Amino acid sequence: MSAATSAKVLERFPAGAPRGSWPAEEYAARRRAEGEPATVVMDLESDAFLVVVPSDDD
């Protein structure tokens, strides 16, 4: 997603997950399986992974 694209945050996951654990990716995969175009992005300011979908505001 580009910076100019607005997005809705579905869920936040701390970046400090145990090695080999990908909770944000797993959550996004479940949302994609349900038909939502979920993507994982990193929020550097909060040190967290965000699962986002495009905003319906467009």
N, C-alpha and C. Protein backbone atom coordinates (compact mmCIF):
# COMPACT_ATOMS: atom_id res chain seq x y z
N MET A 1 0.83 -1.17 0.00
CA MET A 1 0.00 0.00 0.00
C MET A 1 0.87 1.23 0.00
N SER A 2 0.54 2.18 -0.80
CA SER A 2 1.33 3.41 -0.82
C SER A 2 0.87 4.34 0.29
N ALA A 3 1.70 5.34 0.57
CA ALA A 3 1.37 6.29 1.63
C ALA A 3 0.13 7.11 1.29
N ALA A 4 -0.16 7.28 -0.01
CA ALA A 4 -1.30 8.07 -0.43
C ALA A 4 -2.62 7.30 -0.34
N THR A 5 -2.56 6.01 -0.18
CA THR A 5 -3.75 5.18 -0.09
C THR A 5 -4.25 5.15 1.34
N SER A 6 -5.55 5.42 1.53
CA SER A 6 -6.10 5.33 2.88
C SER A 6 -6.47 3.89 3.16
N ALA A 7 -6.35 3.51 4.41
CA ALA A 7 -6.62 2.13 4.80
C ALA A 7 -7.28 2.09 6.16
N LYS A 8 -8.03 1.03 6.38
CA LYS A 8 -8.67 0.77 7.67
C LYS A 8 -7.85 -0.31 8.39
N VAL A 9 -7.47 -0.05 9.63
CA VAL A 9 -6.71 -1.02 10.43
C VAL A 9 -7.68 -2.01 11.05
N LEU A 10 -7.48 -3.29 10.75
CA LEU A 10 -8.32 -4.34 11.33
C LEU A 10 -7.78 -4.82 12.67
N GLU A 11 -6.45 -4.91 12.77
CA GLU A 11 -5.84 -5.47 13.97
C GLU A 11 -4.39 -5.01 14.07
N ARG A 12 -3.87 -4.92 15.30
CA ARG A 12 -2.46 -4.57 15.55
C ARG A 12 -1.79 -5.73 16.27
N PHE A 13 -0.52 -5.96 15.92
CA PHE A 13 0.26 -7.01 16.57
C PHE A 13 1.63 -6.45 16.92
N PRO A 14 2.11 -6.65 18.15
CA PRO A 14 3.43 -6.15 18.51
C PRO A 14 4.51 -6.80 17.65
N ALA A 15 5.54 -6.04 17.33
CA ALA A 15 6.62 -6.56 16.49
C ALA A 15 7.48 -7.58 17.21
N GLY A 16 7.37 -7.70 18.51
CA GLY A 16 8.22 -8.59 19.29
C GLY A 16 7.68 -10.00 19.45
N ALA A 17 7.00 -10.53 18.45
CA ALA A 17 6.49 -11.91 18.54
C ALA A 17 7.65 -12.89 18.61
N PRO A 18 7.44 -14.05 19.23
CA PRO A 18 8.52 -15.04 19.32
C PRO A 18 9.01 -15.46 17.92
N ARG A 19 10.27 -15.81 17.83
CA ARG A 19 10.87 -16.24 16.57
C ARG A 19 10.05 -17.38 15.96
N GLY A 20 9.77 -17.27 14.67
CA GLY A 20 8.98 -18.28 13.98
C GLY A 20 7.49 -18.07 14.09
N SER A 21 7.07 -17.06 14.83
CA SER A 21 5.65 -16.75 15.00
C SER A 21 5.31 -15.55 14.12
N TRP A 22 4.26 -15.67 13.33
CA TRP A 22 3.84 -14.61 12.42
C TRP A 22 2.36 -14.32 12.61
N PRO A 23 1.94 -13.84 13.79
CA PRO A 23 0.51 -13.67 14.05
C PRO A 23 -0.18 -12.69 13.10
N ALA A 24 0.48 -11.62 12.70
CA ALA A 24 -0.14 -10.67 11.78
C ALA A 24 -0.37 -11.30 10.42
N GLU A 25 0.61 -12.04 9.92
CA GLU A 25 0.47 -12.71 8.63
C GLU A 25 -0.62 -13.78 8.68
N GLU A 26 -0.69 -14.51 9.78
CA GLU A 26 -1.72 -15.55 9.93
C GLU A 26 -3.12 -14.92 9.98
N TYR A 27 -3.25 -13.81 10.69
CA TYR A 27 -4.53 -13.12 10.78
C TYR A 27 -4.94 -12.60 9.40
N ALA A 28 -4.00 -11.99 8.69
CA ALA A 28 -4.28 -11.47 7.35
C ALA A 28 -4.67 -12.60 6.40
N ALA A 29 -4.03 -13.74 6.51
CA ALA A 29 -4.36 -14.88 5.64
C ALA A 29 -5.79 -15.36 5.90
N ARG A 30 -6.21 -15.37 7.17
CA ARG A 30 -7.59 -15.76 7.48
C ARG A 30 -8.57 -14.75 6.88
N ARG A 31 -8.26 -13.46 6.98
CA ARG A 31 -9.14 -12.43 6.39
C ARG A 31 -9.20 -12.58 4.87
N ARG A 32 -8.05 -12.86 4.22
CA ARG A 32 -8.05 -13.05 2.77
C ARG A 32 -8.86 -14.28 2.39
N ALA A 33 -8.81 -15.32 3.19
CA ALA A 33 -9.61 -16.53 2.93
C ALA A 33 -11.10 -16.23 3.00
N GLU A 34 -11.47 -15.19 3.77
CA GLU A 34 -12.87 -14.78 3.89
C GLU A 34 -13.24 -13.73 2.84
N GLY A 35 -12.30 -13.40 1.95
CA GLY A 35 -12.59 -12.48 0.86
C GLY A 35 -12.19 -11.03 1.08
N GLU A 36 -11.55 -10.71 2.20
CA GLU A 36 -11.10 -9.34 2.44
C GLU A 36 -9.67 -9.19 1.91
N PRO A 37 -9.36 -8.08 1.25
CA PRO A 37 -8.02 -7.87 0.70
C PRO A 37 -7.03 -7.38 1.77
N ALA A 38 -6.82 -8.17 2.80
CA ALA A 38 -5.98 -7.77 3.93
C ALA A 38 -4.50 -7.81 3.58
N THR A 39 -3.78 -6.81 4.10
CA THR A 39 -2.34 -6.69 3.89
C THR A 39 -1.70 -6.37 5.23
N VAL A 40 -0.46 -6.82 5.41
CA VAL A 40 0.28 -6.51 6.64
C VAL A 40 1.28 -5.40 6.33
N VAL A 41 1.28 -4.37 7.15
CA VAL A 41 2.24 -3.28 7.04
C VAL A 41 2.88 -3.05 8.39
N MET A 42 4.07 -2.44 8.38
CA MET A 42 4.78 -2.14 9.62
C MET A 42 4.57 -0.69 9.98
N ASP A 43 4.18 -0.44 11.23
CA ASP A 43 4.08 0.92 11.75
C ASP A 43 5.34 1.14 12.59
N LEU A 44 6.30 1.85 12.03
CA LEU A 44 7.57 2.04 12.71
C LEU A 44 7.44 2.85 13.99
N GLU A 45 6.54 3.82 14.01
CA GLU A 45 6.38 4.66 15.20
C GLU A 45 5.92 3.88 16.42
N SER A 46 5.01 2.91 16.21
CA SER A 46 4.51 2.14 17.35
C SER A 46 5.17 0.76 17.45
N ASP A 47 6.10 0.45 16.53
CA ASP A 47 6.79 -0.84 16.51
C ASP A 47 5.78 -1.99 16.51
N ALA A 48 4.84 -1.91 15.57
CA ALA A 48 3.79 -2.93 15.49
C ALA A 48 3.48 -3.23 14.03
N PHE A 49 2.99 -4.45 13.81
CA PHE A 49 2.49 -4.83 12.50
C PHE A 49 1.00 -4.56 12.48
N LEU A 50 0.52 -3.95 11.41
CA LEU A 50 -0.90 -3.64 11.26
C LEU A 50 -1.47 -4.47 10.12
N VAL A 51 -2.64 -5.04 10.34
CA VAL A 51 -3.37 -5.70 9.26
C VAL A 51 -4.39 -4.69 8.77
N VAL A 52 -4.28 -4.32 7.50
CA VAL A 52 -5.11 -3.26 6.94
C VAL A 52 -5.86 -3.74 5.70
N VAL A 53 -6.95 -3.05 5.41
CA VAL A 53 -7.71 -3.24 4.17
C VAL A 53 -7.93 -1.85 3.58
N PRO A 54 -8.11 -1.75 2.28
CA PRO A 54 -8.38 -0.43 1.69
C PRO A 54 -9.63 0.18 2.31
N SER A 55 -9.57 1.49 2.51
CA SER A 55 -10.70 2.21 3.11
C SER A 55 -11.82 2.36 2.10
N ASP A 56 -13.05 2.35 2.58
CA ASP A 56 -14.22 2.54 1.72
C ASP A 56 -14.52 4.00 1.49
N ASP A 57 -13.66 4.90 1.99
CA ASP A 57 -13.89 6.35 1.88
C ASP A 57 -13.75 6.87 0.47
N ASP A 58 -13.11 6.12 -0.42
CA ASP A 58 -12.85 6.59 -1.80
C ASP A 58 -14.10 6.74 -2.61
